[in-house]
N, C-alpha and C. Protein backbone atom coordinates (compact mmCIF):
# COMPACT_ATOMS: atom_id res chain seq x y z
N UNK A 1 96.50 82.17 92.31
CA UNK A 1 96.06 81.52 91.10
C UNK A 1 96.51 80.07 91.10
N UNK A 2 95.63 79.15 90.86
CA UNK A 2 95.95 77.74 90.80
C UNK A 2 95.83 77.26 89.37
N UNK A 3 96.70 76.35 88.98
CA UNK A 3 96.67 75.81 87.63
C UNK A 3 96.72 74.29 87.70
N UNK A 4 96.41 73.66 86.60
CA UNK A 4 96.53 72.20 86.51
C UNK A 4 98.00 71.81 86.53
N UNK A 5 98.25 70.55 86.76
CA UNK A 5 99.61 70.00 86.79
C UNK A 5 100.35 70.45 85.53
N UNK A 6 101.61 70.84 85.71
CA UNK A 6 102.39 71.36 84.60
C UNK A 6 102.95 70.26 83.69
N UNK A 7 102.87 69.00 84.11
CA UNK A 7 103.39 67.90 83.30
C UNK A 7 102.39 67.57 82.19
N UNK A 8 102.87 67.45 80.95
CA UNK A 8 101.94 67.14 79.85
C UNK A 8 101.37 65.73 80.01
N UNK A 9 100.09 65.58 79.76
CA UNK A 9 99.38 64.30 79.79
C UNK A 9 99.42 63.63 81.17
N UNK A 10 99.55 64.40 82.23
CA UNK A 10 99.60 63.84 83.58
C UNK A 10 98.19 63.51 84.05
N UNK A 11 97.98 62.29 84.55
CA UNK A 11 96.64 61.89 85.00
C UNK A 11 96.32 62.35 86.43
N UNK A 12 97.24 63.04 87.10
CA UNK A 12 97.04 63.32 88.53
C UNK A 12 95.92 64.33 88.81
N UNK A 13 95.61 65.19 87.87
CA UNK A 13 94.55 66.19 88.01
C UNK A 13 94.75 67.10 89.23
N UNK A 14 96.03 67.26 89.64
CA UNK A 14 96.29 68.09 90.81
C UNK A 14 96.17 69.56 90.47
N UNK A 15 95.82 70.31 91.46
CA UNK A 15 95.79 71.76 91.34
C UNK A 15 96.92 72.26 92.24
N UNK A 16 97.82 73.03 91.72
CA UNK A 16 98.92 73.55 92.53
C UNK A 16 99.04 75.05 92.29
N UNK A 17 99.62 75.77 93.27
CA UNK A 17 99.80 77.20 93.07
C UNK A 17 100.61 77.46 91.81
N UNK A 18 100.23 78.49 91.08
CA UNK A 18 100.91 78.84 89.84
C UNK A 18 102.39 79.10 90.08
N UNK A 19 102.75 79.61 91.26
CA UNK A 19 104.14 79.93 91.54
C UNK A 19 104.84 78.82 92.34
N UNK A 20 104.30 77.60 92.30
CA UNK A 20 104.91 76.47 93.02
C UNK A 20 106.31 76.22 92.47
N UNK A 21 107.20 75.81 93.36
CA UNK A 21 108.57 75.51 92.98
C UNK A 21 108.77 74.00 93.07
N UNK A 22 109.34 73.42 92.06
CA UNK A 22 109.62 71.99 92.05
C UNK A 22 110.98 71.77 92.70
N UNK A 23 111.01 70.90 93.71
CA UNK A 23 112.26 70.59 94.41
C UNK A 23 112.46 69.08 94.43
N UNK A 24 113.70 68.66 94.60
CA UNK A 24 114.04 67.24 94.67
C UNK A 24 113.86 66.78 96.12
N UNK A 25 112.82 65.99 96.35
CA UNK A 25 112.46 65.57 97.71
C UNK A 25 112.72 64.08 97.87
N UNK A 26 113.27 63.72 99.03
CA UNK A 26 113.49 62.30 99.37
C UNK A 26 112.16 61.55 99.20
N UNK A 27 112.16 60.41 98.49
CA UNK A 27 110.90 59.69 98.23
C UNK A 27 110.09 59.37 99.49
N UNK A 28 110.73 59.07 100.60
CA UNK A 28 109.98 58.77 101.82
C UNK A 28 109.19 59.99 102.30
N UNK A 29 109.72 61.20 102.07
CA UNK A 29 109.01 62.42 102.44
C UNK A 29 107.78 62.61 101.57
N UNK A 30 107.88 62.22 100.30
CA UNK A 30 106.73 62.32 99.40
C UNK A 30 105.62 61.39 99.87
N UNK A 31 105.99 60.17 100.25
CA UNK A 31 105.01 59.21 100.76
C UNK A 31 104.35 59.76 102.02
N UNK A 32 105.17 60.33 102.92
CA UNK A 32 104.62 60.90 104.16
C UNK A 32 103.69 62.07 103.86
N UNK A 33 104.00 62.87 102.85
CA UNK A 33 103.14 64.00 102.48
C UNK A 33 101.80 63.50 101.95
N UNK A 34 101.82 62.40 101.22
CA UNK A 34 100.58 61.85 100.68
C UNK A 34 99.71 61.28 101.79
N UNK A 35 100.35 60.71 102.83
CA UNK A 35 99.62 60.10 103.93
C UNK A 35 99.28 61.09 105.05
N UNK A 36 99.90 62.25 105.04
CA UNK A 36 99.76 63.19 106.16
C UNK A 36 98.43 63.91 106.15
N UNK A 37 97.90 64.08 107.35
CA UNK A 37 96.70 64.90 107.50
C UNK A 37 97.12 66.36 107.69
N UNK A 38 98.30 66.57 108.28
CA UNK A 38 98.84 67.91 108.47
C UNK A 38 99.85 68.20 107.37
N UNK A 39 100.76 69.09 107.68
CA UNK A 39 101.76 69.44 106.69
C UNK A 39 103.01 68.59 106.86
N UNK A 40 103.76 68.43 105.79
CA UNK A 40 105.04 67.75 105.82
C UNK A 40 106.11 68.79 105.53
N UNK A 41 107.06 68.91 106.45
CA UNK A 41 108.13 69.89 106.30
C UNK A 41 109.41 69.20 105.87
N UNK A 42 110.13 69.83 104.96
CA UNK A 42 111.40 69.30 104.49
C UNK A 42 112.46 70.39 104.57
N UNK A 43 113.71 69.96 104.58
CA UNK A 43 114.86 70.85 104.71
C UNK A 43 115.89 70.49 103.65
N UNK A 44 116.61 71.49 103.20
CA UNK A 44 117.64 71.33 102.19
C UNK A 44 118.86 70.62 102.78
N UNK A 45 119.24 69.47 102.21
CA UNK A 45 120.42 68.74 102.68
C UNK A 45 121.67 69.42 102.14
N UNK A 46 122.58 69.74 103.05
CA UNK A 46 123.84 70.38 102.66
C UNK A 46 125.04 69.50 102.97
N UNK A 47 124.83 68.17 103.01
CA UNK A 47 125.95 67.25 103.21
C UNK A 47 126.84 67.39 101.99
N UNK A 48 128.09 67.73 102.20
CA UNK A 48 128.99 68.12 101.13
C UNK A 48 130.02 67.02 100.84
N UNK A 49 129.98 66.53 99.64
CA UNK A 49 130.96 65.56 99.17
C UNK A 49 131.75 66.22 98.04
N UNK A 50 133.04 66.39 98.22
CA UNK A 50 133.93 66.98 97.22
C UNK A 50 133.40 68.32 96.70
N UNK A 51 133.05 69.20 97.62
CA UNK A 51 132.58 70.56 97.31
C UNK A 51 131.32 70.57 96.45
N UNK A 52 130.46 69.60 96.67
CA UNK A 52 129.21 69.51 95.95
C UNK A 52 128.10 69.11 96.92
N UNK A 53 127.44 70.11 97.55
CA UNK A 53 126.36 69.79 98.51
C UNK A 53 125.25 68.98 97.85
N UNK A 54 124.65 68.11 98.63
CA UNK A 54 123.62 67.18 98.16
C UNK A 54 122.47 67.90 97.46
N UNK A 55 121.79 68.79 98.15
CA UNK A 55 120.70 69.55 97.55
C UNK A 55 119.32 68.93 97.64
N UNK A 56 119.24 67.65 97.99
CA UNK A 56 117.93 67.00 98.12
C UNK A 56 117.23 67.55 99.37
N UNK A 57 115.90 67.49 99.38
CA UNK A 57 115.15 67.95 100.54
C UNK A 57 114.72 66.72 101.35
N UNK A 58 114.96 66.80 102.67
CA UNK A 58 114.69 65.69 103.58
C UNK A 58 113.85 66.16 104.76
N UNK A 59 113.18 65.21 105.40
CA UNK A 59 112.47 65.54 106.63
C UNK A 59 113.49 65.67 107.76
N UNK A 60 113.11 66.35 108.83
CA UNK A 60 114.05 66.67 109.90
C UNK A 60 114.06 65.75 111.09
N UNK A 61 113.38 64.60 111.03
CA UNK A 61 113.42 63.69 112.17
C UNK A 61 114.75 62.95 112.17
N UNK A 62 115.24 62.55 113.34
CA UNK A 62 116.50 61.80 113.38
C UNK A 62 116.47 60.56 112.49
N UNK A 63 115.36 59.85 112.48
CA UNK A 63 115.23 58.64 111.65
C UNK A 63 115.39 58.98 110.18
N UNK A 64 114.75 60.06 109.73
CA UNK A 64 114.82 60.44 108.32
C UNK A 64 116.20 60.96 107.95
N UNK A 65 116.84 61.68 108.85
CA UNK A 65 118.19 62.19 108.59
C UNK A 65 119.16 61.02 108.44
N UNK A 66 119.12 60.07 109.38
CA UNK A 66 120.03 58.92 109.32
C UNK A 66 119.75 58.06 108.09
N UNK A 67 118.48 57.88 107.76
CA UNK A 67 118.12 57.11 106.58
C UNK A 67 118.68 57.76 105.32
N UNK A 68 118.56 59.07 105.21
CA UNK A 68 119.08 59.80 104.06
C UNK A 68 120.60 59.67 103.98
N UNK A 69 121.28 59.83 105.10
CA UNK A 69 122.74 59.70 105.11
C UNK A 69 123.17 58.30 104.66
N UNK A 70 122.44 57.30 105.09
CA UNK A 70 122.77 55.92 104.74
C UNK A 70 122.49 55.66 103.26
N UNK A 71 121.29 56.01 102.81
CA UNK A 71 120.88 55.67 101.46
C UNK A 71 121.48 56.55 100.36
N UNK A 72 121.67 57.83 100.63
CA UNK A 72 122.15 58.75 99.59
C UNK A 72 123.64 59.05 99.68
N UNK A 73 124.21 58.91 100.88
CA UNK A 73 125.61 59.28 101.06
C UNK A 73 126.49 58.10 101.48
N UNK A 74 125.89 56.92 101.57
CA UNK A 74 126.66 55.71 101.86
C UNK A 74 127.26 55.66 103.25
N UNK A 75 126.69 56.39 104.19
CA UNK A 75 127.23 56.42 105.54
C UNK A 75 126.57 55.33 106.37
N UNK A 76 127.32 54.26 106.59
CA UNK A 76 126.83 53.14 107.39
C UNK A 76 127.87 52.91 108.47
N UNK A 77 127.54 53.29 109.68
CA UNK A 77 128.47 53.17 110.80
C UNK A 77 127.76 52.59 112.00
N UNK A 78 128.54 52.03 112.87
CA UNK A 78 128.10 51.60 114.18
C UNK A 78 127.78 52.86 114.98
N UNK A 79 126.84 52.79 115.91
CA UNK A 79 126.42 53.96 116.70
C UNK A 79 127.58 54.60 117.45
N UNK A 80 128.60 53.83 117.80
CA UNK A 80 129.72 54.36 118.57
C UNK A 80 130.90 54.80 117.72
N UNK A 81 130.83 54.61 116.41
CA UNK A 81 131.92 55.04 115.53
C UNK A 81 131.92 56.55 115.39
N UNK A 82 133.09 57.11 115.13
CA UNK A 82 133.23 58.55 114.93
C UNK A 82 132.98 58.91 113.47
N UNK A 83 132.39 60.08 113.28
CA UNK A 83 132.10 60.58 111.95
C UNK A 83 132.24 62.10 111.96
N UNK A 84 132.98 62.63 111.01
CA UNK A 84 133.10 64.08 110.89
C UNK A 84 131.89 64.64 110.18
N UNK A 85 131.43 65.80 110.61
CA UNK A 85 130.28 66.43 109.97
C UNK A 85 130.73 67.05 108.65
N UNK A 86 130.01 66.73 107.58
CA UNK A 86 130.31 67.25 106.24
C UNK A 86 129.25 68.28 105.81
N UNK A 87 128.46 68.78 106.78
CA UNK A 87 127.42 69.75 106.46
C UNK A 87 128.10 71.06 106.07
N UNK A 88 127.63 71.67 105.01
CA UNK A 88 128.25 72.91 104.55
C UNK A 88 127.42 74.10 104.99
N UNK A 89 127.92 75.04 105.72
CA UNK A 89 129.22 75.05 106.38
C UNK A 89 129.09 74.57 107.82
N UNK A 90 130.03 73.78 108.28
CA UNK A 90 130.07 73.35 109.68
C UNK A 90 131.49 73.62 110.18
N UNK A 91 131.56 74.31 111.29
CA UNK A 91 132.87 74.67 111.83
C UNK A 91 133.37 73.68 112.88
N UNK A 92 132.61 72.62 113.14
CA UNK A 92 133.03 71.65 114.14
C UNK A 92 134.29 70.93 113.66
N UNK A 93 135.31 70.98 114.46
CA UNK A 93 136.58 70.39 114.05
C UNK A 93 136.83 69.01 114.66
N UNK A 94 135.86 68.49 115.37
CA UNK A 94 136.03 67.14 115.94
C UNK A 94 134.94 66.22 115.39
N UNK A 95 135.23 64.94 115.43
CA UNK A 95 134.27 63.96 114.95
C UNK A 95 133.19 63.74 116.01
N UNK A 96 132.02 63.32 115.55
CA UNK A 96 130.90 63.01 116.44
C UNK A 96 130.64 61.51 116.40
N UNK A 97 130.04 61.00 117.45
CA UNK A 97 129.58 59.62 117.43
C UNK A 97 128.42 59.55 116.45
N UNK A 98 128.32 58.46 115.74
CA UNK A 98 127.23 58.29 114.77
C UNK A 98 125.87 58.48 115.43
N UNK A 99 125.76 58.07 116.69
CA UNK A 99 124.48 58.20 117.40
C UNK A 99 124.12 59.67 117.67
N UNK A 100 125.07 60.59 117.49
CA UNK A 100 124.82 62.02 117.74
C UNK A 100 124.68 62.84 116.46
N UNK A 101 125.01 62.27 115.32
CA UNK A 101 125.06 63.06 114.09
C UNK A 101 123.70 63.60 113.67
N UNK A 102 122.63 62.83 113.85
CA UNK A 102 121.30 63.31 113.46
C UNK A 102 120.88 64.50 114.31
N UNK A 103 121.18 64.45 115.61
CA UNK A 103 120.86 65.56 116.50
C UNK A 103 121.68 66.80 116.11
N UNK A 104 122.94 66.59 115.72
CA UNK A 104 123.81 67.67 115.29
C UNK A 104 123.27 68.31 114.00
N UNK A 105 122.84 67.49 113.05
CA UNK A 105 122.30 68.01 111.79
C UNK A 105 120.99 68.76 112.04
N UNK A 106 120.18 68.27 112.97
CA UNK A 106 118.95 68.98 113.32
C UNK A 106 119.27 70.41 113.79
N UNK A 107 120.40 70.58 114.47
CA UNK A 107 120.82 71.93 114.88
C UNK A 107 121.14 72.78 113.65
N UNK A 108 121.83 72.17 112.66
CA UNK A 108 122.10 72.90 111.41
C UNK A 108 120.80 73.34 110.75
N UNK A 109 119.77 72.50 110.85
CA UNK A 109 118.47 72.80 110.22
C UNK A 109 117.66 73.81 111.03
N UNK A 110 118.10 74.09 112.26
CA UNK A 110 117.39 75.03 113.12
C UNK A 110 116.21 74.43 113.85
N UNK A 111 116.09 73.10 113.83
CA UNK A 111 114.97 72.43 114.48
C UNK A 111 115.18 72.42 115.99
N UNK A 112 114.13 72.77 116.72
CA UNK A 112 114.14 72.69 118.17
C UNK A 112 112.85 72.01 118.62
N UNK A 113 112.77 71.75 119.91
CA UNK A 113 111.58 71.11 120.47
C UNK A 113 111.12 71.91 121.67
N UNK A 114 109.81 71.84 121.94
CA UNK A 114 109.22 72.66 122.99
C UNK A 114 108.31 71.81 123.87
N UNK A 115 108.33 72.11 125.18
CA UNK A 115 107.40 71.51 126.13
C UNK A 115 106.05 72.20 125.94
N UNK A 116 105.00 71.43 125.73
CA UNK A 116 103.68 72.03 125.46
C UNK A 116 103.09 72.71 126.69
N UNK A 117 103.61 72.42 127.85
CA UNK A 117 103.07 73.00 129.09
C UNK A 117 103.74 74.34 129.41
N UNK A 118 105.07 74.34 129.53
CA UNK A 118 105.78 75.57 129.97
C UNK A 118 106.54 76.25 128.85
N UNK A 119 106.55 75.64 127.67
CA UNK A 119 107.19 76.17 126.47
C UNK A 119 108.72 76.27 126.56
N UNK A 120 109.35 75.46 127.43
CA UNK A 120 110.80 75.34 127.43
C UNK A 120 111.20 74.85 126.04
N UNK A 121 112.17 75.49 125.41
CA UNK A 121 112.60 75.14 124.07
C UNK A 121 114.07 74.72 124.10
N UNK A 122 114.35 73.52 123.56
CA UNK A 122 115.70 72.98 123.55
C UNK A 122 115.74 71.79 122.59
N UNK A 123 116.84 71.00 122.66
CA UNK A 123 116.93 69.76 121.89
C UNK A 123 115.86 68.79 122.37
N UNK A 124 115.50 67.83 121.53
CA UNK A 124 114.43 66.88 121.88
C UNK A 124 114.75 66.09 123.14
N UNK A 125 115.98 65.62 123.30
CA UNK A 125 116.31 64.82 124.48
C UNK A 125 116.25 65.65 125.76
N UNK A 126 116.59 66.92 125.67
CA UNK A 126 116.54 67.81 126.82
C UNK A 126 115.08 68.06 127.23
N UNK A 127 114.22 68.29 126.26
CA UNK A 127 112.80 68.53 126.54
C UNK A 127 112.14 67.26 127.10
N UNK A 128 112.46 66.11 126.55
CA UNK A 128 111.90 64.84 127.07
C UNK A 128 112.33 64.62 128.53
N UNK A 129 113.60 64.88 128.81
CA UNK A 129 114.10 64.74 130.18
C UNK A 129 113.41 65.74 131.10
N UNK A 130 113.21 66.96 130.64
CA UNK A 130 112.52 68.00 131.41
C UNK A 130 111.11 67.54 131.77
N UNK A 131 110.38 67.00 130.80
CA UNK A 131 109.00 66.55 131.03
C UNK A 131 108.98 65.40 132.04
N UNK A 132 109.94 64.50 131.93
CA UNK A 132 110.02 63.37 132.86
C UNK A 132 110.32 63.82 134.29
N UNK A 133 111.12 64.86 134.44
CA UNK A 133 111.59 65.27 135.77
C UNK A 133 110.80 66.42 136.41
N UNK A 134 109.96 67.11 135.64
CA UNK A 134 109.24 68.27 136.16
C UNK A 134 107.79 67.90 136.42
N UNK A 135 107.38 67.86 137.71
CA UNK A 135 106.00 67.45 138.06
C UNK A 135 104.92 68.24 137.33
N UNK A 136 105.07 69.54 137.19
CA UNK A 136 104.06 70.36 136.53
C UNK A 136 103.94 70.12 135.04
N UNK A 137 104.92 69.45 134.46
CA UNK A 137 104.92 69.20 133.02
C UNK A 137 104.77 67.72 132.69
N UNK A 138 104.41 66.92 133.67
CA UNK A 138 104.35 65.46 133.51
C UNK A 138 103.45 65.00 132.37
N UNK A 139 102.38 65.69 132.07
CA UNK A 139 101.47 65.29 131.00
C UNK A 139 101.66 66.10 129.72
N UNK A 140 102.76 66.83 129.65
CA UNK A 140 103.02 67.67 128.48
C UNK A 140 103.46 66.84 127.29
N UNK A 141 103.36 67.43 126.14
CA UNK A 141 103.81 66.78 124.90
C UNK A 141 105.06 67.51 124.40
N UNK A 142 105.86 66.79 123.64
CA UNK A 142 107.02 67.40 123.00
C UNK A 142 106.57 67.88 121.63
N UNK A 143 106.72 69.18 121.38
CA UNK A 143 106.31 69.76 120.10
C UNK A 143 107.54 70.17 119.31
N UNK A 144 107.55 69.83 118.02
CA UNK A 144 108.66 70.24 117.18
C UNK A 144 108.48 71.70 116.75
N UNK A 145 109.56 72.47 116.82
CA UNK A 145 109.57 73.86 116.35
C UNK A 145 110.43 73.86 115.09
N UNK A 146 109.82 74.03 113.92
CA UNK A 146 110.58 73.96 112.66
C UNK A 146 111.65 75.02 112.56
N UNK A 147 112.71 74.70 111.84
CA UNK A 147 113.76 75.66 111.55
C UNK A 147 113.29 76.65 110.51
N UNK A 148 114.00 77.75 110.39
CA UNK A 148 113.59 78.82 109.47
C UNK A 148 113.67 78.42 108.00
N UNK A 149 114.47 77.40 107.69
CA UNK A 149 114.62 76.97 106.30
C UNK A 149 113.63 75.90 105.88
N UNK A 150 112.66 75.59 106.72
CA UNK A 150 111.69 74.53 106.40
C UNK A 150 110.82 74.92 105.21
N UNK A 151 110.51 73.94 104.40
CA UNK A 151 109.57 74.13 103.29
C UNK A 151 108.44 73.13 103.46
N UNK A 152 107.25 73.60 103.23
CA UNK A 152 106.06 72.73 103.30
C UNK A 152 105.86 72.12 101.93
N UNK A 153 105.69 70.81 101.91
CA UNK A 153 105.45 70.17 100.61
C UNK A 153 104.00 69.67 100.57
N UNK A 154 103.50 69.67 99.35
CA UNK A 154 102.16 69.16 99.11
C UNK A 154 102.29 68.11 98.02
N UNK A 155 101.64 66.99 98.22
CA UNK A 155 101.75 65.94 97.21
C UNK A 155 100.78 66.21 96.07
N UNK A 156 101.11 65.68 94.93
CA UNK A 156 100.27 65.85 93.76
C UNK A 156 99.07 64.94 93.83
């Protein structure tokens, strides 16, 4: 069952599923959903500050993860600086280089990447290296495999 926008006097004229759930989504993800021809996937941010996880939904690309950490959590570091993971729950007891934190968070989100030719599934850098070094996969593409907690968003 689809219904009109639930906001009173809204000019958007959108039709959304009656059981749609409203979530707090990073504004850049909303823009991407409006521009996307395919689907836009978002993940629940669990960066924890003083026992209060963020809760906003973000896209899972390294660029979007780092942008969210910078803009919403004030994390501005040099690529070689150390940073402890504040993802709830994270059992890592050592700090990571800032240049590795987005890849680490992608693991928390369950995001993996796959070679389109042989379907090797691993981290994005591992799959890219595999494609570069494996003659049979030279023309393959890197495909993102969403984590189980992904939510598809639709713009109004």
